[in-house]
Amino acid sequence: MTKTDIKFPQMVDYFRKEKGWTMKELANKMGKTESAISRWISGDNSPKMEDVHALAKIFDTDIDTLVYGAEVRNAKAHGIYEPIDLAEVANSDDDAVWSRLLSSGGRPLTEKDKMAIKLLFSDKWDDITQKAKDLDNKD
């Protein structure tokens, strides 16, 4: 299972049906129109991130499962789902590492995308992690 297997529209419809809700009922719970929900399920439109969070809460699931499908939930349950290590990605030419990432729109990363990410992280990785540690220490 790779993250290129995005299943958000199918998962929204699955959870809606699992709850026994019509699209109109889900729309009411979300404060959205029925046509907005229909467009999410058909894949014609994508919700804003705050709506994805709200859907996960309403459906009592995690965002990864909602976006990527049941395989993620099963993998997490068996301890085989691991977050992506950006340090590994920034310093890797291994296609297996890169295949776990997506670019916007759910398409696999191109070589140009990979190079941009490498440039962003490789030279600045130590600075980024130090700034993150500094922020943690302020709390």
Protein backbone atom coordinates (compact mmCIF):
# COMPACT_ATOMS: atom_id res chain seq x y z
CA MET A 1 0.00 0.00 0.00
CA THR A 2 1.44 3.33 -1.02
CA LYS A 3 0.13 6.76 -0.38
CA THR A 4 -0.54 7.05 -4.08
CA ASP A 5 -3.59 4.87 -3.37
CA ILE A 6 -5.76 7.81 -2.32
CA LYS A 7 -9.30 6.72 -1.65
CA PHE A 8 -10.86 9.77 -0.02
CA PRO A 9 -14.09 9.91 -2.07
CA GLN A 10 -14.74 6.19 -1.57
CA MET A 11 -13.96 6.40 2.15
CA VAL A 12 -16.32 9.34 2.71
CA ASP A 13 -19.07 7.37 1.00
CA TYR A 14 -18.15 4.21 2.93
CA PHE A 15 -18.27 5.93 6.34
CA ARG A 16 -21.47 7.79 5.41
CA LYS A 17 -23.17 4.52 4.52
CA GLU A 18 -21.71 2.77 7.58
CA LYS A 19 -23.42 5.41 9.74
CA GLY A 20 -26.63 4.96 7.75
CA TRP A 21 -26.70 8.61 6.72
CA THR A 22 -27.95 10.08 3.50
CA MET A 23 -25.81 12.71 1.78
CA LYS A 24 -28.26 15.30 3.06
CA GLU A 25 -27.84 14.09 6.65
CA LEU A 26 -24.06 14.23 6.36
CA ALA A 27 -24.32 17.68 4.78
CA ASN A 28 -26.43 18.88 7.72
CA LYS A 29 -23.93 17.50 10.23
CA MET A 30 -21.11 19.25 8.36
CA GLY A 31 -22.98 22.51 7.79
CA LYS A 32 -22.53 22.03 4.05
CA THR A 33 -24.85 21.60 1.10
CA GLU A 34 -25.81 18.18 -0.18
CA SER A 35 -24.22 19.07 -3.52
CA ALA A 36 -20.89 19.81 -1.77
CA ILE A 37 -20.94 16.34 -0.20
CA SER A 38 -21.91 14.82 -3.55
CA ARG A 39 -18.96 16.54 -5.25
CA TRP A 40 -16.57 15.22 -2.56
CA ILE A 41 -17.87 11.68 -3.03
CA SER A 42 -17.75 11.87 -6.81
CA GLY A 43 -14.20 13.26 -6.65
CA ASP A 44 -15.21 16.37 -8.57
CA ASN A 45 -14.18 18.61 -5.68
CA SER A 46 -12.04 18.32 -2.55
CA PRO A 47 -12.91 19.67 0.88
CA LYS A 48 -10.82 22.17 2.78
CA MET A 49 -8.49 20.71 5.39
CA GLU A 50 -10.74 21.81 8.24
CA ASP A 51 -13.57 19.86 6.60
CA VAL A 52 -11.36 16.76 6.38
CA HIS A 53 -10.67 17.09 10.11
CA ALA A 54 -14.38 17.53 10.81
CA LEU A 55 -15.26 14.48 8.69
CA ALA A 56 -12.70 12.34 10.54
CA LYS A 57 -14.20 13.45 13.85
CA ILE A 58 -17.79 12.86 12.72
CA PHE A 59 -16.87 9.44 11.36
CA ASP A 60 -14.77 8.63 14.46
CA THR A 61 -11.70 7.73 12.41
CA ASP A 62 -8.25 9.12 11.77
CA ILE A 63 -7.38 11.32 8.82
CA ASP A 64 -5.01 8.77 7.24
CA THR A 65 -7.76 6.17 7.10
CA LEU A 66 -10.23 8.69 5.72
CA VAL A 67 -7.83 9.87 3.01
CA TYR A 68 -5.93 6.70 2.12
CA GLY A 69 -8.35 3.92 2.95
CA ALA A 70 -8.74 0.97 5.23
CA GLU A 71 -5.32 -0.42 4.34
CA VAL A 72 -3.74 2.33 6.44
CA ARG A 73 -5.94 1.47 9.42
CA ASN A 74 -5.02 -2.21 9.06
CA ALA A 75 -1.33 -1.40 8.69
CA LYS A 76 -1.38 0.82 11.77
CA ALA A 77 -3.15 -1.89 13.76
CA HIS A 78 -0.38 -4.32 12.86
CA GLY A 79 2.40 -1.83 13.54
CA ILE A 80 3.58 -1.70 9.93
CA TYR A 81 2.54 1.83 9.08
CA GLU A 82 5.40 4.24 9.54
CA PRO A 83 5.52 7.99 9.04
CA ILE A 84 7.79 9.30 6.34
CA ASP A 85 11.20 10.36 7.59
CA LEU A 86 11.92 13.64 5.82
CA ALA A 87 15.62 13.39 6.62
CA GLU A 88 15.68 10.05 4.80
CA VAL A 89 13.82 11.51 1.85
CA ALA A 90 16.02 14.59 1.63
CA ASN A 91 19.12 12.43 1.31
CA SER A 92 17.80 9.54 -0.77
CA ASP A 93 17.77 8.65 -4.44
CA ASP A 94 15.88 5.42 -3.68
CA ASP A 95 12.63 5.31 -5.68
CA ALA A 96 11.03 3.11 -3.00
CA VAL A 97 11.46 5.94 -0.49
CA TRP A 98 10.13 8.52 -2.91
CA SER A 99 7.16 6.39 -3.98
CA ARG A 100 5.70 6.84 -0.49
CA LEU A 101 5.24 10.57 -1.15
CA LEU A 102 2.66 12.45 -3.15
CA SER A 103 2.61 15.78 -4.79
CA SER A 104 -0.53 17.88 -4.68
CA GLY A 105 -3.43 16.32 -6.49
CA GLY A 106 -2.41 12.79 -5.55
CA ARG A 107 -0.07 12.22 -8.48
CA PRO A 108 3.30 10.53 -7.93
CA LEU A 109 6.21 12.91 -7.59
CA THR A 110 8.11 13.78 -10.73
CA GLU A 111 11.90 13.99 -10.83
CA LYS A 112 11.54 17.79 -10.73
CA ASP A 113 9.34 17.53 -7.58
CA LYS A 114 11.93 15.28 -5.94
CA MET A 115 14.75 17.69 -6.72
CA ALA A 116 12.79 20.63 -5.29
CA ILE A 117 12.15 18.73 -2.05
CA LYS A 118 15.78 17.67 -1.80
CA LEU A 119 16.94 21.25 -2.28
CA LEU A 120 14.48 22.47 0.31
CA PHE A 121 15.48 20.00 2.98
CA SER A 122 19.01 18.76 2.35
CA ASP A 123 20.93 21.97 3.03
CA LYS A 124 18.58 23.22 5.70
CA TRP A 125 17.69 19.99 7.54
CA ASP A 126 19.90 20.70 10.57
CA ASP A 127 18.53 24.26 10.84
CA ILE A 128 14.94 23.05 10.52
CA THR A 129 15.32 20.38 13.21
CA GLN A 130 17.11 22.81 15.55
CA LYS A 131 14.33 25.37 15.15
CA ALA A 132 11.77 22.66 15.89
CA LYS A 133 13.70 21.70 19.06
CA ASP A 134 13.86 25.36 20.09
CA LEU A 135 10.08 25.64 19.67
CA ASP A 136 9.58 22.50 21.77
CA ASN A 137 11.78 23.93 24.51
CA LYS A 138 9.66 27.12 24.67
CA ASP A 139 6.58 25.08 25.71
